[in-house]
Every structure is written in C-alpha cells, then in structure tokens.
Amino acid sequence: MAKFIEHTLSDLKPEAAYFTAEKGQRTAYLFVDIKDSSDMPHFGERFFLAFNAAVDFVPVMNAEELKKGLPKALAGIG
C-alpha cells in the first residue's frame, strides 16, 4: 500500500493529501485540480482497481473563483 500511495501522489500531484478513517474505513482526501470531467477516470480508476474503493468527486472553488462567480450568481437573483 505504501508504494501505491507514493506512486499515486507522485502521479496525481495533489495540492494537499490527508489520510484518516471515516466510518471505520480507510479514507484519503486528495485535493487535485481536474480541468475537465473527462480526466476523472485518470484520478479515480486506480482506486477502484487497486482497492475496490468508493470514490467521490466534489467540486470546490478557491476565494478568487468565488469572487469571479458571485456577480454572475447575484445577477440572476433580482
């Protein structure tokens, strides 16, 4: 498992990586920049194949992206 994690982190180059247990299951939180949804298999498939893992993708934004997006959201409210 250590070699898999080392190789995966080297390959995916996450902005941050955290490891814990959630609901009794080994859990990893990897924060990666996925530019296009077609790249999702590159990030997730290795975990399905190696561990039969559950993988969730959750889109997030940084403060700069929020600042850019808020005016668009607020324009549609009123």
PDB file of N, CA and C in Angstrom:
ATOM      1  N   MET A   1       0.824  -1.183   0.000  1.00  0.00           N
ATOM      2  CA  MET A   1       0.000   0.000   0.000  1.00  0.00           C
ATOM      3  C   MET A   1       0.876   1.258   0.000  1.00  0.00           C
ATOM      4  N   ALA A   2       1.977   1.232   0.714  1.00  0.00           N
ATOM      5  CA  ALA A   2       2.860   2.400   0.772  1.00  0.00           C
ATOM      6  C   ALA A   2       3.378   2.780  -0.611  1.00  0.00           C
ATOM      7  N   LYS A   3       3.765   1.782  -1.413  1.00  0.00           N
ATOM      8  CA  LYS A   3       4.254   2.059  -2.763  1.00  0.00           C
ATOM      9  C   LYS A   3       3.136   2.629  -3.642  1.00  0.00           C
ATOM     10  N   PHE A   4       1.921   2.099  -3.491  1.00  0.00           N
ATOM     11  CA  PHE A   4       0.784   2.609  -4.251  1.00  0.00           C
ATOM     12  C   PHE A   4       0.541   4.076  -3.912  1.00  0.00           C
ATOM     13  N   ILE A   5       0.523   4.408  -2.638  1.00  0.00           N
ATOM     14  CA  ILE A   5       0.285   5.786  -2.204  1.00  0.00           C
ATOM     15  C   ILE A   5       1.391   6.697  -2.721  1.00  0.00           C
ATOM     16  N   GLU A   6       2.635   6.265  -2.578  1.00  0.00           N
ATOM     17  CA  GLU A   6       3.773   7.075  -3.047  1.00  0.00           C
ATOM     18  C   GLU A   6       3.678   7.324  -4.551  1.00  0.00           C
ATOM     19  N   HIS A   7       3.395   6.284  -5.321  1.00  0.00           N
ATOM     20  CA  HIS A   7       3.287   6.422  -6.774  1.00  0.00           C
ATOM     21  C   HIS A   7       2.100   7.313  -7.142  1.00  0.00           C
ATOM     22  N   THR A   8       0.974   7.113  -6.470  1.00  0.00           N
ATOM     23  CA  THR A   8      -0.234   7.891  -6.761  1.00  0.00           C
ATOM     24  C   THR A   8      -0.015   9.368  -6.485  1.00  0.00           C
ATOM     25  N   LEU A   9       0.577   9.702  -5.361  1.00  0.00           N
ATOM     26  CA  LEU A   9       0.836  11.105  -5.036  1.00  0.00           C
ATOM     27  C   LEU A   9       1.800  11.720  -6.041  1.00  0.00           C
ATOM     28  N   SER A  10       2.796  10.957  -6.455  1.00  0.00           N
ATOM     29  CA  SER A  10       3.751  11.446  -7.447  1.00  0.00           C
ATOM     30  C   SER A  10       3.074  11.684  -8.789  1.00  0.00           C
ATOM     31  N   ASP A  11       2.162  10.801  -9.169  1.00  0.00           N
ATOM     32  CA  ASP A  11       1.487  10.888 -10.454  1.00  0.00           C
ATOM     33  C   ASP A  11       0.394  11.964 -10.473  1.00  0.00           C
ATOM     34  N   LEU A  12      -0.439  12.002  -9.436  1.00  0.00           N
ATOM     35  CA  LEU A  12      -1.574  12.925  -9.425  1.00  0.00           C
ATOM     36  C   LEU A  12      -1.215  14.334  -8.963  1.00  0.00           C
ATOM     37  N   LYS A  13      -0.119  14.464  -8.242  1.00  0.00           N
ATOM     38  CA  LYS A  13       0.352  15.765  -7.759  1.00  0.00           C
ATOM     39  C   LYS A  13      -0.767  16.582  -7.092  1.00  0.00           C
ATOM     40  N   PRO A  14      -1.360  16.029  -6.014  1.00  0.00           N
ATOM     41  CA  PRO A  14      -2.423  16.775  -5.338  1.00  0.00           C
ATOM     42  C   PRO A  14      -1.887  18.037  -4.675  1.00  0.00           C
ATOM     43  N   GLU A  15      -2.768  19.043  -4.574  1.00  0.00           N
ATOM     44  CA  GLU A  15      -2.413  20.265  -3.857  1.00  0.00           C
ATOM     45  C   GLU A  15      -2.247  19.963  -2.371  1.00  0.00           C
ATOM     46  N   ALA A  16      -3.027  19.011  -1.867  1.00  0.00           N
ATOM     47  CA  ALA A  16      -2.936  18.555  -0.480  1.00  0.00           C
ATOM     48  C   ALA A  16      -3.443  17.123  -0.424  1.00  0.00           C
ATOM     49  N   ALA A  17      -2.962  16.358   0.538  1.00  0.00           N
ATOM     50  CA  ALA A  17      -3.400  14.975   0.731  1.00  0.00           C
ATOM     51  C   ALA A  17      -3.484  14.701   2.224  1.00  0.00           C
ATOM     52  N   TYR A  18      -4.623  14.161   2.649  1.00  0.00           N
ATOM     53  CA  TYR A  18      -4.844  13.841   4.060  1.00  0.00           C
ATOM     54  C   TYR A  18      -5.365  12.418   4.150  1.00  0.00           C
ATOM     55  N   PHE A  19      -4.952  11.719   5.185  1.00  0.00           N
ATOM     56  CA  PHE A  19      -5.332  10.325   5.376  1.00  0.00           C
ATOM     57  C   PHE A  19      -5.922  10.167   6.769  1.00  0.00           C
ATOM     58  N   THR A  20      -7.054   9.464   6.847  1.00  0.00           N
ATOM     59  CA  THR A  20      -7.771   9.314   8.108  1.00  0.00           C
ATOM     60  C   THR A  20      -8.650   8.075   8.031  1.00  0.00           C
ATOM     61  N   ALA A  21      -9.511   7.902   9.025  1.00  0.00           N
ATOM     62  CA  ALA A  21     -10.543   6.872   8.985  1.00  0.00           C
ATOM     63  C   ALA A  21     -11.889   7.582   9.072  1.00  0.00           C
ATOM     64  N   GLU A  22     -12.840   7.136   8.251  1.00  0.00           N
ATOM     65  CA  GLU A  22     -14.189   7.696   8.275  1.00  0.00           C
ATOM     66  C   GLU A  22     -15.172   6.540   8.296  1.00  0.00           C
ATOM     67  N   LYS A  23     -16.010   6.512   9.303  1.00  0.00           N
ATOM     68  CA  LYS A  23     -16.996   5.440   9.464  1.00  0.00           C
ATOM     69  C   LYS A  23     -16.331   4.062   9.410  1.00  0.00           C
ATOM     70  N   GLY A  24     -15.167   3.960  10.023  1.00  0.00           N
ATOM     71  CA  GLY A  24     -14.457   2.692  10.096  1.00  0.00           C
ATOM     72  C   GLY A  24     -13.734   2.277   8.831  1.00  0.00           C
ATOM     73  N   GLN A  25     -13.654   3.155   7.848  1.00  0.00           N
ATOM     74  CA  GLN A  25     -12.996   2.837   6.578  1.00  0.00           C
ATOM     75  C   GLN A  25     -11.759   3.710   6.388  1.00  0.00           C
ATOM     76  N   ARG A  26     -10.719   3.132   5.825  1.00  0.00           N
ATOM     77  CA  ARG A  26      -9.558   3.948   5.447  1.00  0.00           C
ATOM     78  C   ARG A  26     -10.041   5.023   4.483  1.00  0.00           C
ATOM     79  N   THR A  27      -9.575   6.234   4.692  1.00  0.00           N
ATOM     80  CA  THR A  27     -10.049   7.345   3.879  1.00  0.00           C
ATOM     81  C   THR A  27      -8.882   8.242   3.495  1.00  0.00           C
ATOM     82  N   ALA A  28      -8.890   8.680   2.250  1.00  0.00           N
ATOM     83  CA  ALA A  28      -7.899   9.645   1.771  1.00  0.00           C
ATOM     84  C   ALA A  28      -8.657  10.819   1.164  1.00  0.00           C
ATOM     85  N   TYR A  29      -8.216  11.994   1.493  1.00  0.00           N
ATOM     86  CA  TYR A  29      -8.727  13.212   0.868  1.00  0.00           C
ATOM     87  C   TYR A  29      -7.605  13.786   0.021  1.00  0.00           C
ATOM     88  N   LEU A  30      -7.789  13.762  -1.286  1.00  0.00           N
ATOM     89  CA  LEU A  30      -6.794  14.313  -2.198  1.00  0.00           C
ATOM     90  C   LEU A  30      -7.412  15.520  -2.879  1.00  0.00           C
ATOM     91  N   PHE A  31      -6.748  16.634  -2.803  1.00  0.00           N
ATOM     92  CA  PHE A  31      -7.222  17.862  -3.427  1.00  0.00           C
ATOM     93  C   PHE A  31      -6.435  18.060  -4.714  1.00  0.00           C
ATOM     94  N   VAL A  32      -7.124  17.815  -5.833  1.00  0.00           N
ATOM     95  CA  VAL A  32      -6.490  17.867  -7.145  1.00  0.00           C
ATOM     96  C   VAL A  32      -7.249  18.831  -8.041  1.00  0.00           C
ATOM     97  N   ASP A  33      -6.559  19.387  -9.001  1.00  0.00           N
ATOM     98  CA  ASP A  33      -7.160  20.315  -9.952  1.00  0.00           C
ATOM     99  C   ASP A  33      -7.526  19.524 -11.204  1.00  0.00           C
ATOM    100  N   ILE A  34      -8.810  19.219 -11.363  1.00  0.00           N
ATOM    101  CA  ILE A  34      -9.288  18.492 -12.530  1.00  0.00           C
ATOM    102  C   ILE A  34      -9.883  19.522 -13.481  1.00  0.00           C
ATOM    103  N   LYS A  35      -9.219  19.760 -14.573  1.00  0.00           N
ATOM    104  CA  LYS A  35      -9.626  20.790 -15.535  1.00  0.00           C
ATOM    105  C   LYS A  35     -10.864  20.385 -16.336  1.00  0.00           C
ATOM    106  N   ASP A  36     -11.010  19.091 -16.595  1.00  0.00           N
ATOM    107  CA  ASP A  36     -12.088  18.609 -17.449  1.00  0.00           C
ATOM    108  C   ASP A  36     -12.631  17.320 -16.847  1.00  0.00           C
ATOM    109  N   SER A  37     -13.933  17.155 -16.854  1.00  0.00           N
ATOM    110  CA  SER A  37     -14.531  15.960 -16.250  1.00  0.00           C
ATOM    111  C   SER A  37     -14.072  14.670 -16.926  1.00  0.00           C
ATOM    112  N   SER A  38     -13.612  14.751 -18.152  1.00  0.00           N
ATOM    113  CA  SER A  38     -13.103  13.546 -18.819  1.00  0.00           C
ATOM    114  C   SER A  38     -11.802  13.052 -18.184  1.00  0.00           C
ATOM    115  N   ASP A  39     -11.190  13.853 -17.323  1.00  0.00           N
ATOM    116  CA  ASP A  39      -9.988  13.436 -16.604  1.00  0.00           C
ATOM    117  C   ASP A  39     -10.316  12.645 -15.332  1.00  0.00           C
ATOM    118  N   MET A  40     -11.579  12.583 -14.951  1.00  0.00           N
ATOM    119  CA  MET A  40     -11.948  11.896 -13.710  1.00  0.00           C
ATOM    120  C   MET A  40     -11.515  10.432 -13.674  1.00  0.00           C
ATOM    121  N   PRO A  41     -11.637   9.665 -14.755  1.00  0.00           N
ATOM    122  CA  PRO A  41     -11.155   8.281 -14.690  1.00  0.00           C
ATOM    123  C   PRO A  41      -9.658   8.183 -14.369  1.00  0.00           C
ATOM    124  N   HIS A  42      -8.876   9.105 -14.875  1.00  0.00           N
ATOM    125  CA  HIS A  42      -7.436   9.102 -14.578  1.00  0.00           C
ATOM    126  C   HIS A  42      -7.199   9.219 -13.075  1.00  0.00           C
ATOM    127  N   PHE A  43      -8.021   9.992 -12.405  1.00  0.00           N
ATOM    128  CA  PHE A  43      -7.849  10.200 -10.967  1.00  0.00           C
ATOM    129  C   PHE A  43      -8.496   9.096 -10.131  1.00  0.00           C
ATOM    130  N   GLY A  44      -9.650   8.594 -10.534  1.00  0.00           N
ATOM    131  CA  GLY A  44     -10.386   7.662  -9.692  1.00  0.00           C
ATOM    132  C   GLY A  44     -10.201   6.191  -9.974  1.00  0.00           C
ATOM    133  N   GLU A  45      -9.983   5.831 -11.219  1.00  0.00           N
ATOM    134  CA  GLU A  45      -9.993   4.416 -11.604  1.00  0.00           C
ATOM    135  C   GLU A  45      -8.949   3.596 -10.859  1.00  0.00           C
ATOM    136  N   ARG A  46      -7.812   4.157 -10.602  1.00  0.00           N
ATOM    137  CA  ARG A  46      -6.750   3.415  -9.908  1.00  0.00           C
ATOM    138  C   ARG A  46      -7.211   2.942  -8.535  1.00  0.00           C
ATOM    139  N   PHE A  47      -8.059   3.741  -7.859  1.00  0.00           N
ATOM    140  CA  PHE A  47      -8.557   3.358  -6.535  1.00  0.00           C
ATOM    141  C   PHE A  47      -9.621   2.268  -6.642  1.00  0.00           C
ATOM    142  N   PHE A  48     -10.442   2.323  -7.685  1.00  0.00           N
ATOM    143  CA  PHE A  48     -11.421   1.259  -7.919  1.00  0.00           C
ATOM    144  C   PHE A  48     -10.696  -0.063  -8.146  1.00  0.00           C
ATOM    145  N   LEU A  49      -9.694  -0.034  -9.021  1.00  0.00           N
ATOM    146  CA  LEU A  49      -8.997  -1.262  -9.398  1.00  0.00           C
ATOM    147  C   LEU A  49      -8.135  -1.815  -8.271  1.00  0.00           C
ATOM    148  N   ALA A  50      -7.422  -0.957  -7.562  1.00  0.00           N
ATOM    149  CA  ALA A  50      -6.497  -1.421  -6.526  1.00  0.00           C
ATOM    150  C   ALA A  50      -7.214  -1.832  -5.243  1.00  0.00           C
ATOM    151  N   PHE A  51      -8.285  -1.118  -4.882  1.00  0.00           N
ATOM    152  CA  PHE A  51      -8.898  -1.344  -3.572  1.00  0.00           C
ATOM    153  C   PHE A  51     -10.406  -1.562  -3.609  1.00  0.00           C
ATOM    154  N   ASN A  52     -11.009  -1.589  -4.792  1.00  0.00           N
ATOM    155  CA  ASN A  52     -12.469  -1.633  -4.884  1.00  0.00           C
ATOM    156  C   ASN A  52     -13.056  -0.507  -4.032  1.00  0.00           C
ATOM    157  N   ALA A  53     -12.442   0.640  -4.099  1.00  0.00           N
ATOM    158  CA  ALA A  53     -12.771   1.777  -3.239  1.00  0.00           C
ATOM    159  C   ALA A  53     -13.987   2.543  -3.740  1.00  0.00           C
ATOM    160  N   ALA A  54     -14.607   3.255  -2.831  1.00  0.00           N
ATOM    161  CA  ALA A  54     -15.631   4.231  -3.192  1.00  0.00           C
ATOM    162  C   ALA A  54     -14.896   5.551  -3.426  1.00  0.00           C
ATOM    163  N   VAL A  55     -15.221   6.211  -4.506  1.00  0.00           N
ATOM    164  CA  VAL A  55     -14.563   7.469  -4.853  1.00  0.00           C
ATOM    165  C   VAL A  55     -15.626   8.531  -5.076  1.00  0.00           C
ATOM    166  N   ASP A  56     -15.476   9.650  -4.420  1.00  0.00           N
ATOM    167  CA  ASP A  56     -16.382  10.785  -4.607  1.00  0.00           C
ATOM    168  C   ASP A  56     -15.591  11.954  -5.168  1.00  0.00           C
ATOM    169  N   PHE A  57     -16.184  12.640  -6.124  1.00  0.00           N
ATOM    170  CA  PHE A  57     -15.614  13.868  -6.653  1.00  0.00           C
ATOM    171  C   PHE A  57     -16.512  15.012  -6.197  1.00  0.00           C
ATOM    172  N   VAL A  58     -15.934  15.982  -5.533  1.00  0.00           N
ATOM    173  CA  VAL A  58     -16.696  17.117  -5.019  1.00  0.00           C
ATOM    174  C   VAL A  58     -16.066  18.392  -5.564  1.00  0.00           C
ATOM    175  N   PRO A  59     -16.776  19.118  -6.416  1.00  0.00           N
ATOM    176  CA  PRO A  59     -16.190  20.357  -6.946  1.00  0.00           C
ATOM    177  C   PRO A  59     -16.119  21.425  -5.860  1.00  0.00           C
ATOM    178  N   VAL A  60     -15.029  22.137  -5.851  1.00  0.00           N
ATOM    179  CA  VAL A  60     -14.830  23.245  -4.919  1.00  0.00           C
ATOM    180  C   VAL A  60     -14.207  24.406  -5.683  1.00  0.00           C
ATOM    181  N   MET A  61     -14.188  25.581  -5.047  1.00  0.00           N
ATOM    182  CA  MET A  61     -13.529  26.733  -5.653  1.00  0.00           C
ATOM    183  C   MET A  61     -12.722  27.456  -4.603  1.00  0.00           C
ATOM    184  N   ASN A  62     -11.714  28.162  -5.061  1.00  0.00           N
ATOM    185  CA  ASN A  62     -10.930  28.974  -4.139  1.00  0.00           C
ATOM    186  C   ASN A  62     -11.558  30.366  -4.052  1.00  0.00           C
ATOM    187  N   ALA A  63     -10.988  31.228  -3.213  1.00  0.00           N
ATOM    188  CA  ALA A  63     -11.561  32.558  -2.984  1.00  0.00           C
ATOM    189  C   ALA A  63     -11.606  33.393  -4.268  1.00  0.00           C
ATOM    190  N   GLU A  64     -10.601  33.280  -5.091  1.00  0.00           N
ATOM    191  CA  GLU A  64     -10.564  34.036  -6.351  1.00  0.00           C
ATOM    192  C   GLU A  64     -11.699  33.600  -7.283  1.00  0.00           C
ATOM    193  N   GLU A  65     -11.938  32.301  -7.364  1.00  0.00           N
ATOM    194  CA  GLU A  65     -13.010  31.789  -8.207  1.00  0.00           C
ATOM    195  C   GLU A  65     -14.385  32.189  -7.661  1.00  0.00           C
ATOM    196  N   LEU A  66     -14.518  32.194  -6.342  1.00  0.00           N
ATOM    197  CA  LEU A  66     -15.768  32.641  -5.731  1.00  0.00           C
ATOM    198  C   LEU A  66     -16.031  34.106  -6.051  1.00  0.00           C
ATOM    199  N   LYS A  67     -15.001  34.923  -5.931  1.00  0.00           N
ATOM    200  CA  LYS A  67     -15.132  36.354  -6.237  1.00  0.00           C
ATOM    201  C   LYS A  67     -15.573  36.558  -7.687  1.00  0.00           C
ATOM    202  N   LYS A  68     -15.039  35.752  -8.583  1.00  0.00           N
ATOM    203  CA  LYS A  68     -15.396  35.837 -10.000  1.00  0.00           C
ATOM    204  C   LYS A  68     -16.830  35.354 -10.249  1.00  0.00           C
ATOM    205  N   GLY A  69     -17.273  34.326  -9.521  1.00  0.00           N
ATOM    206  CA  GLY A  69     -18.563  33.732  -9.770  1.00  0.00           C
ATOM    207  C   GLY A  69     -19.739  34.413  -9.080  1.00  0.00           C
ATOM    208  N   LEU A  70     -19.507  35.083  -7.955  1.00  0.00           N
ATOM    209  CA  LEU A  70     -20.611  35.711  -7.222  1.00  0.00           C
ATOM    210  C   LEU A  70     -21.397  36.724  -8.049  1.00  0.00           C
ATOM    211  N   PRO A  71     -20.755  37.614  -8.780  1.00  0.00           N
ATOM    212  CA  PRO A  71     -21.542  38.568  -9.570  1.00  0.00           C
ATOM    213  C   PRO A  71     -22.476  37.879 -10.574  1.00  0.00           C
ATOM    214  N   LYS A  72     -22.038  36.775 -11.146  1.00  0.00           N
ATOM    215  CA  LYS A  72     -22.894  36.033 -12.083  1.00  0.00           C
ATOM    216  C   LYS A  72     -24.105  35.461 -11.356  1.00  0.00           C
ATOM    217  N   ALA A  73     -23.876  34.951 -10.152  1.00  0.00           N
ATOM    218  CA  ALA A  73     -24.973  34.367  -9.386  1.00  0.00           C
ATOM    219  C   ALA A  73     -25.952  35.466  -8.941  1.00  0.00           C
ATOM    220  N   LEU A  74     -25.428  36.578  -8.473  1.00  0.00           N
ATOM    221  CA  LEU A  74     -26.265  37.657  -7.976  1.00  0.00           C
ATOM    222  C   LEU A  74     -27.034  38.345  -9.095  1.00  0.00           C
ATOM    223  N   ALA A  75     -26.487  38.356 -10.303  1.00  0.00           N
ATOM    224  CA  ALA A  75     -27.163  38.967 -11.444  1.00  0.00           C
ATOM    225  C   ALA A  75     -28.454  38.217 -11.780  1.00  0.00           C
ATOM    226  N   GLY A  76     -28.457  36.922 -11.499  1.00  0.00           N
ATOM    227  CA  GLY A  76     -29.629  36.128 -11.812  1.00  0.00           C
ATOM    228  C   GLY A  76     -30.701  36.147 -10.722  1.00  0.00           C
ATOM    229  N   ILE A  77     -30.425  36.829  -9.607  1.00  0.00           N
ATOM    230  CA  ILE A  77     -31.391  36.865  -8.469  1.00  0.00           C
ATOM    231  C   ILE A  77     -32.267  38.091  -8.560  1.00  0.00           C
ATOM    232  N   GLY A  78     -32.564  38.791  -9.127  1.00  0.00           N
ATOM    233  CA  GLY A  78     -33.283  40.033  -8.920  1.00  0.00           C
ATOM    234  C   GLY A  78     -33.875  40.560 -10.082  1.00  0.00           C
TER     235      GLY A  78
END
